[in-house]
Amino acid sequence: MAKKKKVVKKSVKKPVKKIGTKKIVKKTVPKKKAPAKAKKVVKQNIKPLVIQKQSPKKIDYTKAVTPLGERLVVRADQAETMTAGGLYIPDTVDTRERYVKGVVLATGHGAKNKKGHIKPMDVQVGDTVLFPAYASVRIQFNSEELHIVNESDVLGTV
């Protein structure tokens, strides 16, 4: 490997001007570097980072909890616990609404009549139904509260 030699710049003397009897020599001063010009910022089309929401795993409730006969498995919607004035109402307070609104997750096969034929269900999976609050059995499944309701106790669909 050959060593590189450093190049040293020598200052160049300018010609001497004679004024009278004295000689005035102008020395060259190294030029100052000009301040760096601001570079133009080029805007690139950078898309913002989008975090995709992971869809919750769809659970087939008919395999997990199978209702028998004319029963339904319903997930109740959360009742509003805040009034229009901003007051929070605890769950222990008896409200005027004595019905529950929920989504049907699973249905039974249907009720048998006297001849032994199965009557098909009027309510299907995915329907939103209203039923009395005290007409259901509450169960816990996968950390959520589910209700088992007879089809005859359903007040109507929404």
Protein backbone atom coordinates (compact mmCIF):
# COMPACT_ATOMS: atom_id res chain seq x y z
CA MET A 1 0.00 0.00 0.00
CA ALA A 2 1.35 3.33 -1.06
CA LYS A 3 0.94 6.25 1.29
CA LYS A 4 -0.84 9.25 -0.12
CA LYS A 5 1.00 12.53 0.06
CA LYS A 6 -0.82 15.51 1.43
CA VAL A 7 -0.97 18.46 -0.89
CA VAL A 8 -0.24 21.77 0.81
CA LYS A 9 -1.56 24.92 -0.84
CA LYS A 10 0.79 27.83 -0.92
CA SER A 11 -0.57 31.34 -0.81
CA VAL A 12 0.15 33.34 -3.93
CA LYS A 13 1.51 36.85 -3.51
CA LYS A 14 -0.06 39.59 -5.57
CA PRO A 15 1.99 42.14 -7.39
CA VAL A 16 3.44 44.97 -5.36
CA LYS A 17 2.15 48.47 -5.90
CA LYS A 18 4.54 51.31 -5.36
CA ILE A 19 3.19 54.32 -3.58
CA GLY A 20 5.85 56.83 -2.95
CA THR A 21 8.95 55.26 -1.53
CA LYS A 22 7.33 52.57 0.57
CA LYS A 23 6.53 49.16 -0.78
CA ILE A 24 3.09 47.80 0.16
CA VAL A 25 2.59 44.13 -0.21
CA LYS A 26 -0.91 42.72 -0.26
CA LYS A 27 -1.23 39.36 1.29
CA THR A 28 -3.87 36.99 0.15
CA VAL A 29 -6.28 35.87 2.76
CA PRO A 30 -7.90 32.49 2.34
CA LYS A 31 -11.48 32.88 1.27
CA LYS A 32 -14.15 32.11 3.83
CA LYS A 33 -16.57 29.47 2.90
CA ALA A 34 -20.00 30.80 2.09
CA PRO A 35 -22.75 29.53 4.36
CA ALA A 36 -24.28 26.39 3.03
CA LYS A 37 -27.44 27.04 1.09
CA ALA A 38 -30.53 25.37 2.40
CA LYS A 39 -31.29 22.34 0.37
CA LYS A 40 -34.70 22.10 -1.10
CA VAL A 41 -36.80 19.61 0.78
CA VAL A 42 -38.53 17.33 -1.62
CA LYS A 43 -41.85 16.14 -0.27
CA GLN A 44 -42.31 12.50 -0.92
CA ASN A 45 -45.62 10.78 -0.97
CA ILE A 46 -45.26 9.06 2.38
CA LYS A 47 -48.39 7.31 3.47
CA PRO A 48 -49.18 7.46 7.18
CA LEU A 49 -48.78 4.26 9.11
CA VAL A 50 -52.13 2.53 9.27
CA ILE A 51 -52.64 0.00 12.01
CA GLN A 52 -55.01 -2.66 10.89
CA LYS A 53 -57.51 -3.80 13.43
CA GLN A 54 -57.49 -7.48 13.92
CA SER A 55 -60.94 -8.83 13.42
CA PRO A 56 -62.12 -10.81 16.40
CA LYS A 57 -62.12 -14.53 15.87
CA LYS A 58 -65.54 -15.69 14.83
CA ILE A 59 -66.76 -18.31 17.22
CA ASP A 60 -69.36 -20.81 16.12
CA TYR A 61 -71.57 -20.72 19.19
CA THR A 62 -73.63 -23.66 17.97
CA LYS A 63 -70.60 -25.90 18.56
CA ALA A 64 -69.70 -24.33 21.89
CA VAL A 65 -73.17 -23.95 23.44
CA THR A 66 -75.92 -25.91 21.72
CA PRO A 67 -79.39 -24.83 22.77
CA LEU A 68 -81.99 -27.62 22.83
CA GLY A 69 -85.58 -27.51 21.64
CA GLU A 70 -86.91 -24.01 21.11
CA ARG A 71 -84.22 -22.17 23.02
CA LEU A 72 -81.92 -19.37 21.79
CA VAL A 73 -78.47 -18.23 22.84
CA VAL A 74 -78.43 -14.42 22.87
CA ARG A 75 -75.64 -11.90 23.52
CA ALA A 76 -77.21 -8.90 25.26
CA ASP A 77 -76.23 -5.38 24.18
CA GLN A 78 -74.82 -3.13 26.87
CA ALA A 79 -77.45 -0.85 28.39
CA GLU A 80 -76.51 2.81 28.53
CA THR A 81 -75.34 3.67 32.00
CA MET A 82 -75.08 7.45 31.53
CA THR A 83 -78.02 9.83 31.49
CA ALA A 84 -78.37 12.84 29.19
CA GLY A 85 -77.24 15.05 32.07
CA GLY A 86 -73.98 13.11 32.45
CA LEU A 87 -74.84 11.05 35.55
CA TYR A 88 -73.79 7.42 35.68
CA ILE A 89 -76.42 4.86 36.70
CA PRO A 90 -75.11 1.69 38.39
CA ASP A 91 -76.32 -1.71 37.25
CA THR A 92 -77.99 -2.37 40.59
CA VAL A 93 -80.57 0.37 40.08
CA ASP A 94 -83.95 -0.92 38.88
CA THR A 95 -84.74 0.91 35.67
CA ARG A 96 -88.14 1.22 34.02
CA GLU A 97 -86.99 -0.92 31.11
CA ARG A 98 -87.72 -4.51 31.94
CA TYR A 99 -86.60 -5.96 28.63
CA VAL A 100 -83.23 -6.79 27.13
CA LYS A 101 -82.10 -6.24 23.54
CA GLY A 102 -79.64 -8.72 22.08
CA VAL A 103 -78.30 -10.57 19.05
CA VAL A 104 -79.12 -14.24 18.48
CA LEU A 105 -75.92 -16.34 18.35
CA ALA A 106 -77.36 -19.87 18.16
CA THR A 107 -80.76 -21.51 17.89
CA GLY A 108 -82.14 -24.90 18.78
CA HIS A 109 -83.79 -27.27 16.30
CA GLY A 110 -87.36 -26.31 17.21
CA ALA A 111 -90.22 -27.59 19.34
CA LYS A 112 -92.02 -30.87 18.66
CA ASN A 113 -95.75 -30.87 18.31
CA LYS A 114 -98.14 -33.66 19.46
CA LYS A 115 -97.56 -35.70 16.31
CA GLY A 116 -93.77 -35.54 16.78
CA HIS A 117 -93.08 -33.16 13.93
CA ILE A 118 -90.55 -30.38 14.56
CA LYS A 119 -91.88 -26.84 14.18
CA PRO A 120 -89.17 -24.63 12.59
CA MET A 121 -87.87 -21.63 14.54
CA ASP A 122 -89.20 -18.15 13.74
CA VAL A 123 -85.95 -16.50 14.86
CA GLN A 124 -82.67 -17.04 13.00
CA VAL A 125 -79.03 -16.53 13.88
CA GLY A 126 -78.07 -12.86 13.54
CA ASP A 127 -81.52 -11.41 14.37
CA THR A 128 -81.81 -8.72 17.02
CA VAL A 129 -84.52 -9.63 19.53
CA LEU A 130 -86.21 -8.17 22.61
CA PHE A 131 -86.95 -10.40 25.59
CA PRO A 132 -87.91 -9.86 29.25
CA ALA A 133 -84.95 -9.35 31.57
CA TYR A 134 -86.01 -12.06 34.00
CA ALA A 135 -87.05 -14.65 31.38
CA SER A 136 -83.52 -15.77 30.62
CA VAL A 137 -80.76 -17.83 32.17
CA ARG A 138 -77.40 -16.06 32.29
CA ILE A 139 -74.20 -17.97 31.54
CA GLN A 140 -70.54 -16.98 31.17
CA PHE A 141 -68.70 -18.12 28.05
CA ASN A 142 -65.30 -16.78 26.87
CA SER A 143 -65.52 -13.92 29.38
CA GLU A 144 -68.81 -12.64 27.94
CA GLU A 145 -72.29 -12.90 29.36
CA LEU A 146 -74.80 -14.86 27.29
CA HIS A 147 -78.51 -15.47 27.84
CA ILE A 148 -80.46 -18.63 27.08
CA VAL A 149 -84.07 -17.74 26.25
CA ASN A 150 -87.11 -19.74 25.13
CA GLU A 151 -88.42 -18.68 21.75
CA SER A 152 -91.89 -18.25 23.23
CA ASP A 153 -90.45 -15.60 25.64
CA VAL A 154 -89.12 -13.43 22.81
CA LEU A 155 -91.19 -10.26 22.57
CA GLY A 156 -90.19 -9.42 19.01
CA THR A 157 -87.39 -8.76 16.54
CA VAL A 158 -85.84 -5.37 15.85
